[in-house]
């Protein structure tokens, strides 16, 4: 999804216009991918990040996925040591 957001800049001058259309799509996708409170907060942040000019370099989907994956690894590690 982060790559799709950056692909709008392939055509010079088209990127910022495309971001106006892409921002709500990206935010809704974020909310559905990462459910709950983090999904909603991240979706709002993602919308703002995609909508504002010059902030498309922030990989919000990748950052959230890494946070979620890291949390899962910590939980598995704690369960292994508690057995």
Protein backbone atom coordinates (compact mmCIF):
# COMPACT_ATOMS: atom_id res chain seq x y z
CA UNK A 1 0.00 0.00 0.00
CA UNK A 2 2.89 2.35 0.68
CA UNK A 3 4.22 1.62 -2.78
CA UNK A 4 0.82 2.42 -4.33
CA UNK A 5 0.86 5.81 -2.59
CA UNK A 6 4.29 6.62 -3.98
CA UNK A 7 3.41 5.46 -7.49
CA UNK A 8 1.23 8.54 -7.95
CA UNK A 9 4.43 10.54 -8.38
CA UNK A 10 5.56 8.71 -11.50
CA UNK A 11 3.86 11.36 -13.63
CA UNK A 12 5.25 14.81 -12.70
CA UNK A 13 2.60 17.22 -11.43
CA UNK A 14 -0.01 14.47 -11.14
CA UNK A 15 1.04 13.22 -7.70
CA UNK A 16 -0.53 15.87 -5.52
CA UNK A 17 -3.81 15.76 -7.46
CA UNK A 18 -3.90 11.97 -7.24
CA UNK A 19 -3.25 12.17 -3.50
CA UNK A 20 -6.55 13.97 -3.01
CA UNK A 21 -8.27 10.87 -4.41
CA UNK A 22 -5.87 8.35 -2.90
CA UNK A 23 -5.94 9.68 0.69
CA UNK A 24 -9.47 8.45 1.60
CA UNK A 25 -8.93 5.10 -0.14
CA UNK A 26 -5.67 4.58 1.72
CA UNK A 27 -7.17 5.60 5.08
CA UNK A 28 -10.15 3.25 4.72
CA UNK A 29 -7.85 0.41 3.68
CA UNK A 30 -5.67 1.10 6.71
CA UNK A 31 -8.68 0.92 9.04
CA UNK A 32 -9.74 -2.43 7.58
CA UNK A 33 -6.21 -3.87 7.65
CA UNK A 34 -5.46 -2.86 11.24
CA UNK A 35 -8.69 -3.12 13.14
CA UNK A 36 -9.60 -1.50 16.43
CA UNK A 37 -8.30 1.65 18.00
CA UNK A 38 -4.92 1.46 16.27
CA UNK A 39 -6.60 1.04 12.91
CA UNK A 40 -8.79 4.11 13.35
CA UNK A 41 -6.00 6.30 14.72
CA UNK A 42 -3.61 5.06 12.06
CA UNK A 43 -6.23 5.58 9.36
CA UNK A 44 -6.67 9.20 10.42
CA UNK A 45 -2.91 9.72 10.45
CA UNK A 46 -2.61 7.96 7.11
CA UNK A 47 -5.28 10.22 5.58
CA UNK A 48 -3.48 13.34 6.79
CA UNK A 49 -0.10 11.99 5.66
CA UNK A 50 -1.37 11.16 2.17
CA UNK A 51 -3.36 14.38 1.82
CA UNK A 52 -0.63 16.82 2.88
CA UNK A 53 1.91 17.69 0.19
CA UNK A 54 5.45 16.45 0.71
CA UNK A 55 4.67 13.76 3.29
CA UNK A 56 4.25 10.75 1.00
CA UNK A 57 7.66 9.38 1.91
CA UNK A 58 6.34 8.18 5.31
CA UNK A 59 5.61 4.42 5.02
CA UNK A 60 2.64 4.30 7.40
CA UNK A 61 1.46 0.81 6.43
CA UNK A 62 4.95 -0.62 6.82
CA UNK A 63 5.51 1.09 10.17
CA UNK A 64 2.21 -0.20 11.58
CA UNK A 65 2.84 -3.71 10.27
CA UNK A 66 6.29 -3.75 11.90
CA UNK A 67 4.79 -2.53 15.19
CA UNK A 68 2.14 -5.25 15.08
CA UNK A 69 4.63 -7.96 14.10
CA UNK A 70 7.05 -6.89 16.86
CA UNK A 71 4.24 -7.03 19.42
CA UNK A 72 3.36 -10.55 18.26
CA UNK A 73 6.99 -11.67 18.56
CA UNK A 74 7.27 -10.26 22.10
CA UNK A 75 4.07 -12.04 23.14
CA UNK A 76 5.28 -15.35 21.71
CA UNK A 77 8.62 -14.92 23.49
CA UNK A 78 6.88 -14.23 26.81
CA UNK A 79 4.65 -17.28 26.38
CA UNK A 80 7.65 -19.48 25.63
CA UNK A 81 9.48 -18.40 28.77
CA UNK A 82 6.42 -18.67 31.00
CA UNK A 83 5.89 -22.34 30.13
